[in-house]
Protein backbone atom coordinates (compact mmCIF):
# COMPACT_ATOMS: atom_id res chain seq x y z
CA MET A 1 67.25 138.47 -0.52
CA ASN A 2 66.88 136.23 -3.53
CA ALA A 3 69.74 134.45 -5.28
CA LYS A 4 69.70 136.92 -8.16
CA ASN A 5 70.61 139.84 -5.87
CA MET A 6 73.19 138.03 -3.75
CA PRO A 7 76.87 138.46 -4.55
CA SER A 8 78.47 135.37 -6.03
CA ARG A 9 81.12 133.48 -4.16
CA ALA A 10 83.75 134.89 -6.53
CA ASP A 11 82.55 138.45 -5.82
CA SER A 12 82.73 138.04 -2.05
CA GLU A 13 86.04 136.17 -1.99
CA ARG A 14 87.70 138.13 -4.80
CA PRO A 15 86.57 141.75 -4.86
CA HIS A 16 86.40 143.36 -8.31
CA TRP A 17 87.11 140.01 -9.97
CA GLN A 18 85.35 140.85 -13.25
CA LEU A 19 87.10 144.21 -13.48
CA THR A 20 90.53 142.68 -12.87
CA GLU A 21 89.85 140.08 -15.56
CA LYS A 22 89.14 142.90 -18.05
CA ILE A 23 92.35 144.69 -17.03
CA ILE A 24 94.40 141.51 -17.39
CA GLY A 25 92.92 140.94 -20.85
CA ALA A 26 93.87 144.50 -21.81
CA ALA A 27 97.44 143.89 -20.63
CA PHE A 28 97.69 140.81 -22.86
CA GLU A 29 96.38 142.85 -25.79
CA VAL A 30 99.05 145.51 -25.16
CA HIS A 31 101.79 142.87 -25.06
CA ARG A 32 100.41 141.15 -28.16
CA THR A 33 100.56 144.47 -30.01
CA LEU A 34 103.82 145.95 -28.69
CA GLY A 35 105.82 142.90 -27.66
CA GLN A 36 108.67 143.30 -25.22
CA GLY A 37 111.51 145.79 -25.06
CA PHE A 38 109.88 149.16 -24.40
CA LEU A 39 110.26 151.27 -21.30
CA GLU A 40 107.68 150.92 -18.52
CA SER A 41 106.16 154.31 -19.39
CA VAL A 42 105.22 153.08 -22.88
CA TYR A 43 103.33 150.10 -21.44
CA VAL A 44 101.57 152.31 -18.87
CA LYS A 45 100.36 154.65 -21.62
CA ALA A 46 99.32 151.79 -23.90
CA LEU A 47 97.44 150.04 -21.08
CA ALA A 48 95.74 153.31 -20.14
CA GLN A 49 94.68 153.75 -23.79
CA GLU A 50 93.39 150.18 -24.03
CA LEU A 51 91.38 150.50 -20.80
CA SER A 52 89.97 153.92 -21.78
CA ALA A 53 88.93 152.58 -25.17
CA SER A 54 86.98 149.83 -23.41
CA GLY A 55 85.06 152.45 -21.43
CA LEU A 56 86.81 152.10 -18.09
CA GLY A 57 87.69 155.12 -15.97
CA ILE A 58 91.43 155.43 -15.46
CA GLU A 59 93.75 157.80 -13.67
CA ALA A 60 97.39 157.63 -14.75
CA GLU A 61 100.26 158.59 -12.45
CA LYS A 62 97.78 159.36 -9.68
CA PRO A 63 99.48 161.06 -6.73
CA ILE A 64 98.82 159.25 -3.46
CA PRO A 65 99.92 160.85 -0.18
CA VAL A 66 101.76 158.66 2.33
CA SER A 67 101.33 159.36 6.04
CA TYR A 68 103.34 158.27 9.02
CA LYS A 69 101.63 158.54 12.40
CA GLY A 70 99.19 161.04 10.99
CA VAL A 71 101.80 163.23 9.29
CA GLU A 72 102.11 163.34 5.51
CA ILE A 73 105.69 162.38 4.71
CA GLY A 74 105.60 161.99 0.95
CA VAL A 75 103.75 161.10 -2.17
CA PHE A 76 103.93 158.11 -4.47
CA TYR A 77 102.48 157.92 -7.95
CA ALA A 78 100.33 154.94 -8.85
CA ASP A 79 100.92 153.91 -12.47
CA LEU A 80 97.18 153.46 -13.03
CA VAL A 81 94.08 153.49 -10.88
CA VAL A 82 91.14 151.87 -12.66
CA GLU A 83 87.55 152.78 -11.74
CA SER A 84 88.93 154.12 -8.43
CA VAL A 85 89.07 150.55 -7.08
CA VAL A 86 92.11 148.79 -8.62
CA ILE A 87 95.73 149.93 -8.57
CA CYS A 88 97.86 148.71 -11.47
CA GLU A 89 101.61 148.73 -11.05
CA VAL A 90 103.53 148.17 -14.29
CA LYS A 91 107.07 146.88 -14.75
CA ALA A 92 109.15 146.14 -17.86
CA LEU A 93 111.79 143.74 -16.56
CA ARG A 94 113.14 140.28 -17.22
CA SER A 95 110.96 138.97 -14.35
CA LEU A 96 109.09 140.11 -11.25
CA LEU A 97 110.73 139.99 -7.84
CA PRO A 98 109.21 139.76 -4.33
CA GLU A 99 110.09 143.44 -3.81
CA HIS A 100 107.63 144.40 -6.55
CA GLN A 101 104.83 142.57 -4.75
CA ALA A 102 105.80 144.31 -1.50
CA GLN A 103 105.66 147.66 -3.31
CA LEU A 104 102.11 147.02 -4.54
CA LEU A 105 101.00 145.79 -1.12
CA ASN A 106 102.31 149.01 0.44
CA TYR A 107 100.40 151.04 -2.17
CA LEU A 108 97.22 149.19 -1.24
CA LYS A 109 97.82 149.83 2.46
CA ALA A 110 98.54 153.52 1.86
CA THR A 111 95.40 154.09 -0.21
CA GLY A 112 92.86 151.80 1.41
CA ILE A 113 92.19 150.35 -2.05
CA GLN A 114 91.61 146.62 -1.66
CA VAL A 115 92.79 145.25 -5.01
CA GLY A 116 95.94 145.67 -7.02
CA LEU A 117 97.42 144.16 -10.16
CA LEU A 118 101.14 143.89 -10.75
CA PHE A 119 102.16 143.51 -14.40
CA ASN A 120 105.49 142.79 -16.02
CA PHE A 121 105.82 143.32 -19.76
CA GLY A 122 108.89 141.15 -20.20
CA PRO A 123 109.42 138.22 -22.56
CA ARG A 124 105.82 137.30 -21.67
CA VAL A 125 103.16 139.08 -19.64
CA GLU A 126 103.40 138.25 -15.97
CA HIS A 127 100.62 139.34 -13.66
CA LYS A 128 99.89 139.02 -9.99
CA ARG A 129 96.55 139.92 -8.40
CA MET A 130 96.85 141.10 -4.82
CA ALA A 131 94.20 141.99 -2.27
CA PHE A 132 94.52 143.81 1.02
CA ALA A 133 91.83 144.07 3.65
CA PRO A 134 92.67 146.14 6.72
CA ARG A 135 92.23 144.30 9.99
CA ASP A 136 89.59 145.42 12.43
CA PRO A 137 91.31 146.99 15.45
CA ALA A 138 89.49 144.66 17.86
């Protein structure tokens, strides 16, 4: 395989890096336009609009089943799923807490999606990129 066809180091170490950079840029545009002080649902809709306008495929409030030992026990709703490969969880708080990161990590585990972005539209945009790769049961 020649160098042109090989994945870059960033691609192999950070899956969907270019896509997450676009999403983060869209989040900053939303905050630049709306500022702080709206409910989470407003930011979710604005981010969905911004991403759609840039040509990305989005699913808002996507229902994701949660199973326990092979039995479906509930459903959670992902704020946004972008291009079927990145979950975006949106908050509108003073600041992010460790519990919000744990929530996104659980969403990644439940879906098998590797990459998630956690956003907070507070006084400034906070974002956290998280990745989850299931362990091989060896």
